[in-house]
Protein backbone atom coordinates (compact mmCIF):
# COMPACT_ATOMS: atom_id res chain seq x y z
CA MET A 1 0.00 0.00 0.00
CA ASP A 2 1.56 3.29 -1.12
CA HIS A 3 -0.75 5.62 0.77
CA LEU A 4 -3.40 5.42 3.42
CA PRO A 5 -6.85 4.88 1.89
CA VAL A 6 -8.89 8.01 1.21
CA ASP A 7 -11.40 7.10 3.93
CA VAL A 8 -8.63 6.83 6.55
CA ARG A 9 -7.08 10.13 5.50
CA ALA A 10 -10.50 11.79 5.72
CA ALA A 11 -11.07 10.37 9.22
CA LEU A 12 -7.71 11.73 10.40
CA ARG A 13 -8.34 15.10 8.75
CA PHE A 14 -11.76 15.49 10.42
CA PHE A 15 -10.38 14.34 13.76
CA ALA A 16 -7.64 17.00 13.58
CA PHE A 17 -10.24 19.61 12.59
CA TYR A 18 -12.52 18.71 15.53
CA ILE A 19 -9.61 18.92 17.98
CA ALA A 20 -8.43 22.29 16.66
CA ASN A 21 -11.97 23.65 16.46
CA GLY A 22 -12.84 22.59 20.03
CA THR A 23 -15.69 20.37 18.85
CA LEU A 24 -14.35 16.88 19.57
CA ASP A 25 -17.28 14.87 20.97
CA VAL A 26 -19.33 17.85 22.09
CA ASP A 27 -21.62 15.71 24.28
CA LEU A 28 -18.76 14.22 26.29
CA LEU A 29 -16.67 17.40 26.55
CA GLU A 30 -19.42 20.03 26.75
CA GLY A 31 -18.13 23.14 28.49
CA ILE A 32 -14.53 21.89 28.61
CA ASP A 33 -11.95 23.74 26.52
CA TYR A 34 -9.27 21.08 26.21
CA ARG A 35 -7.28 22.90 23.51
CA PRO A 36 -4.93 24.96 25.70
CA GLN A 37 -3.80 21.84 27.55
CA LEU A 38 -3.22 19.89 24.34
CA MET A 39 -1.38 22.70 22.60
CA ALA A 40 0.82 23.69 25.56
CA PHE A 41 2.64 20.38 25.60
CA GLY A 42 3.21 18.03 22.67
CA ALA A 43 2.81 14.74 24.53
CA PRO A 44 -0.96 14.99 25.28
CA LEU A 45 -1.75 15.86 21.66
CA GLU A 46 0.44 12.99 20.47
CA GLN A 47 -1.33 10.65 22.89
CA VAL A 48 -4.79 11.70 21.67
CA PHE A 49 -3.82 11.00 18.04
CA ALA A 50 -2.27 7.65 19.03
CA ILE A 51 -5.47 6.59 20.80
CA PHE A 52 -7.58 7.65 17.82
CA ALA A 53 -5.37 5.76 15.36
CA ASN A 54 -5.17 2.64 17.55
CA VAL A 55 -8.96 2.42 17.95
CA LEU A 56 -9.75 3.22 14.31
CA GLN A 57 -10.82 0.11 12.38
CA VAL A 58 -10.45 -0.18 8.62
CA ASP A 59 -11.87 -2.95 6.43
CA GLU A 60 -10.04 -4.71 3.60
CA ASN A 61 -11.26 -2.05 1.14
CA GLY A 62 -9.73 0.77 3.19
CA GLU A 63 -13.06 2.05 4.49
CA VAL A 64 -13.24 3.30 8.07
CA LEU A 65 -15.69 1.30 10.19
CA ASN A 66 -15.78 3.13 13.53
CA GLU A 67 -14.73 6.77 13.21
CA GLY A 68 -17.19 7.91 15.89
CA ASP A 69 -15.99 5.27 18.35
CA ALA A 70 -12.37 6.25 17.78
CA GLN A 71 -13.19 9.93 18.33
CA TYR A 72 -15.14 9.12 21.50
CA ARG A 73 -12.30 7.02 22.93
CA ALA A 74 -9.77 9.75 22.19
CA ALA A 75 -12.05 12.32 23.81
CA GLN A 76 -12.25 10.23 26.96
């Protein structure tokens, strides 16, 4: 495989957008601005992306199966 499948790249792109925008799992994190903590130190942001990527499931066609679950787990 030369590149990540389009569906996986899209899931990562949206995940990064939600983190930067402050809208990652609004129900779970309502009223909590997590961005300053993530941006002040690199390790927490790295950990959040690692959790997202480790939970993300992709089928044999490269389609993401559980983007919402991966986002929720990372938000926890």
